[in-house]
Amino acid sequence: MVLEILAIAAVIIIGIIFVAVYNNLVKLRNRVENAWAQIEVQLKRRNDLIPNLVETIKGYAQHERAVFENVTKARSAVMEAQGANETADASNMLASTLKSLFAVAEAYPQLQANQNFIQLQKDLADTEDRITYSRQFYNDTVMKYNTTIQSVPTNIIAGIAGFGKKELFQIPPEEYKVPAVKF
């Protein structure tokens, strides 16, 4: 009789532990998905600002067609990217093309004084800051999730329930290069 009670108690305890661990994994997975959604929101905000910025600059710099085409292609690549690494690559390509767009804008002093351009530039800089924060938050959340699903005994339950490792939002190696500064 005592053994039966102990066996039932052990099964109940194991069941409670399984449910608690499973619920924690679901919560962490949902946080990762939410963090990714926040990155997408900021990328969408940036993608919505870019056409306005390009049109404003086009009015002043009509002969810079290649720059505008590159920005448009890079923006499309971000919108079509799938997964953290592909999105990171496309986002970095867009950031690079935006630098060339702003370099073109610097050649037009009257554009630099345009209030619409100034506000768009400010909004874009603010959005870039938000994207940076969202990427950091996403990576922190993914790290916590991945650590949890790889730790004992959670890894057993994660394996049974099909919780897989998530990829971090990484910067490609060419972005690590220090830019040359020449005077």
Protein backbone atom coordinates (compact mmCIF):
# COMPACT_ATOMS: atom_id res chain seq x y z
CA MET A 1 0.00 0.00 0.00
CA VAL A 2 2.82 2.42 0.89
CA LEU A 3 4.66 1.58 -2.35
CA GLU A 4 1.53 2.29 -4.37
CA ILE A 5 1.11 5.68 -2.71
CA LEU A 6 4.78 6.51 -3.30
CA ALA A 7 4.51 5.45 -6.95
CA ILE A 8 1.39 7.57 -7.45
CA ALA A 9 3.08 10.54 -5.71
CA ALA A 10 6.18 10.12 -7.91
CA VAL A 11 4.05 10.05 -11.08
CA ILE A 12 2.16 13.17 -9.93
CA ILE A 13 5.42 15.00 -9.12
CA ILE A 14 6.96 14.04 -12.48
CA GLY A 15 3.76 15.16 -14.21
CA ILE A 16 3.81 18.52 -12.41
CA ILE A 17 7.49 19.03 -13.28
CA PHE A 18 6.83 18.13 -16.94
CA VAL A 19 3.93 20.59 -17.15
CA ALA A 20 5.92 23.37 -15.44
CA VAL A 21 8.95 22.89 -17.71
CA TYR A 22 6.78 22.62 -20.82
CA ASN A 23 4.90 25.81 -19.94
CA ASN A 24 8.19 27.64 -19.36
CA LEU A 25 9.44 26.50 -22.78
CA VAL A 26 6.24 27.72 -24.43
CA LYS A 27 6.62 31.08 -22.67
CA LEU A 28 10.24 31.40 -23.84
CA ARG A 29 9.40 30.38 -27.41
CA ASN A 30 6.62 32.98 -27.49
CA ARG A 31 9.04 35.63 -26.22
CA VAL A 32 11.44 34.77 -29.05
CA GLU A 33 8.63 35.04 -31.58
CA ASN A 34 7.52 38.35 -30.08
CA ALA A 35 11.08 39.69 -30.15
CA TRP A 36 11.34 38.73 -33.83
CA ALA A 37 8.01 40.42 -34.53
CA GLN A 38 9.39 43.62 -32.95
CA ILE A 39 12.34 43.53 -35.35
CA GLU A 40 9.91 43.10 -38.24
CA VAL A 41 7.85 46.07 -37.02
CA GLN A 42 10.93 48.30 -37.01
CA LEU A 43 12.11 47.02 -40.38
CA LYS A 44 8.66 47.77 -41.79
CA ARG A 45 8.81 51.28 -40.31
CA ARG A 46 12.20 51.80 -41.96
CA ASN A 47 10.93 50.38 -45.24
CA ASP A 48 7.98 52.78 -45.11
CA LEU A 49 10.26 55.77 -44.53
CA ILE A 50 12.70 54.98 -47.33
CA PRO A 51 10.42 55.72 -50.33
CA ASN A 52 9.64 59.17 -48.86
CA LEU A 53 13.31 59.82 -48.31
CA VAL A 54 14.23 58.68 -51.82
CA GLU A 55 11.50 60.82 -53.39
CA THR A 56 12.63 63.87 -51.43
CA ILE A 57 16.23 63.41 -52.55
CA LYS A 58 15.17 62.59 -56.14
CA GLY A 59 13.68 66.05 -56.41
CA TYR A 60 17.13 67.53 -55.90
CA ALA A 61 19.40 64.87 -57.37
CA GLN A 62 17.67 63.50 -60.43
CA HIS A 63 20.86 62.26 -62.13
CA GLU A 64 21.74 59.85 -59.26
CA ARG A 65 19.58 57.05 -60.65
CA ALA A 66 21.91 54.15 -59.73
CA VAL A 67 21.87 55.12 -56.04
CA PHE A 68 18.07 55.18 -56.00
CA GLU A 69 17.86 51.82 -57.77
CA ASN A 70 20.29 50.24 -55.28
CA VAL A 71 18.28 51.53 -52.33
CA THR A 72 15.07 50.20 -53.87
CA LYS A 73 16.64 46.77 -54.52
CA ALA A 74 18.04 46.60 -50.99
CA ARG A 75 14.67 47.58 -49.52
CA SER A 76 12.98 44.81 -51.52
CA ALA A 77 15.57 42.30 -50.29
CA VAL A 78 14.75 43.18 -46.67
CA MET A 79 11.04 42.80 -47.31
CA GLU A 80 11.54 39.38 -48.94
CA ALA A 81 14.11 38.01 -46.45
CA GLN A 82 13.28 34.89 -44.46
CA GLY A 83 14.87 34.06 -41.11
CA ALA A 84 17.27 35.96 -38.89
CA ASN A 85 20.47 35.53 -40.91
CA GLU A 86 18.94 36.34 -44.30
CA THR A 87 17.18 39.37 -42.79
CA ALA A 88 20.44 40.49 -41.15
CA ASP A 89 22.29 40.29 -44.47
CA ALA A 90 19.58 42.18 -46.35
CA SER A 91 19.28 44.77 -43.59
CA ASN A 92 23.02 45.39 -43.61
CA MET A 93 22.97 45.76 -47.40
CA LEU A 94 20.17 48.33 -47.04
CA ALA A 95 22.12 50.24 -44.38
CA SER A 96 25.08 50.36 -46.76
CA THR A 97 23.00 51.70 -49.65
CA LEU A 98 21.43 54.29 -47.35
CA LYS A 99 24.92 55.57 -46.57
CA SER A 100 25.47 56.21 -50.28
CA LEU A 101 22.06 57.88 -50.47
CA PHE A 102 23.00 60.26 -47.68
CA ALA A 103 26.34 60.90 -49.36
CA VAL A 104 24.42 62.04 -52.44
CA ALA A 105 22.20 64.22 -50.26
CA GLU A 106 25.24 65.97 -48.76
CA ALA A 107 26.10 67.33 -52.20
CA TYR A 108 22.90 69.41 -52.22
CA PRO A 109 22.93 72.19 -49.58
CA GLN A 110 19.36 73.23 -50.35
CA LEU A 111 18.25 69.65 -49.60
CA GLN A 112 20.08 69.75 -46.29
CA ALA A 113 17.89 72.73 -45.34
CA ASN A 114 14.63 71.07 -46.43
CA GLN A 115 12.44 70.47 -43.34
CA ASN A 116 10.86 67.34 -44.81
CA PHE A 117 14.28 65.85 -45.50
CA ILE A 118 15.53 66.77 -42.02
CA GLN A 119 12.49 65.13 -40.39
CA LEU A 120 12.82 62.00 -42.55
CA GLN A 121 16.50 61.77 -41.68
CA LYS A 122 15.67 62.10 -37.98
CA ASP A 123 12.90 59.48 -38.21
CA LEU A 124 15.21 57.09 -40.03
CA ALA A 125 17.97 57.54 -37.43
CA ASP A 126 15.42 56.92 -34.67
CA THR A 127 14.22 53.80 -36.46
CA GLU A 128 17.79 52.53 -36.86
CA ASP A 129 18.24 52.91 -33.09
CA ARG A 130 15.03 50.96 -32.52
CA ILE A 131 16.19 48.23 -34.89
CA THR A 132 19.48 47.97 -33.01
CA TYR A 133 17.67 47.67 -29.70
CA SER A 134 15.21 45.13 -31.13
CA ARG A 135 18.07 43.01 -32.50
CA GLN A 136 19.78 43.06 -29.12
CA PHE A 137 16.56 42.14 -27.32
CA TYR A 138 15.89 39.35 -29.81
CA ASN A 139 19.38 37.90 -29.39
CA ASP A 140 19.12 38.09 -25.60
CA THR A 141 15.76 36.30 -25.74
CA VAL A 142 17.05 33.65 -28.15
CA MET A 143 20.11 33.08 -25.95
CA LYS A 144 17.90 32.49 -22.90
CA TYR A 145 15.62 30.18 -24.88
CA ASN A 146 18.50 28.19 -26.41
CA THR A 147 20.24 27.90 -23.04
CA THR A 148 17.04 26.62 -21.45
CA ILE A 149 16.33 23.98 -24.11
CA GLN A 150 19.93 22.74 -23.92
CA SER A 151 20.08 22.51 -20.12
CA VAL A 152 19.38 19.33 -18.13
CA PRO A 153 16.61 18.26 -17.46
CA THR A 154 14.77 20.73 -19.67
CA ASN A 155 16.55 19.38 -22.75
CA ILE A 156 14.76 16.06 -22.33
CA ILE A 157 11.34 17.66 -22.29
CA ALA A 158 12.32 20.08 -25.07
CA GLY A 159 13.38 17.13 -27.23
CA ILE A 160 10.18 15.21 -26.54
CA ALA A 161 7.99 18.26 -27.20
CA GLY A 162 9.91 19.32 -30.34
CA PHE A 163 11.38 22.62 -29.15
CA GLY A 164 14.28 23.41 -31.49
CA LYS A 165 17.16 25.82 -31.30
CA LYS A 166 16.56 29.33 -32.71
CA GLU A 167 19.11 31.26 -34.74
CA LEU A 168 20.63 34.50 -33.54
CA PHE A 169 20.51 37.70 -35.57
CA GLN A 170 24.15 37.87 -36.69
CA ILE A 171 26.19 40.41 -38.56
CA PRO A 172 28.18 39.07 -41.52
CA PRO A 173 31.98 39.00 -41.08
CA GLU A 174 32.58 41.76 -43.65
CA GLU A 175 30.76 44.17 -41.33
CA TYR A 176 33.52 43.72 -38.71
CA LYS A 177 36.07 45.50 -40.86
CA VAL A 178 37.10 48.88 -39.55
CA PRO A 179 36.39 51.55 -42.15
CA ALA A 180 39.38 53.47 -43.46
CA VAL A 181 39.41 57.11 -42.40
CA LYS A 182 41.34 59.43 -44.66
CA PHE A 183 41.81 63.17 -44.36
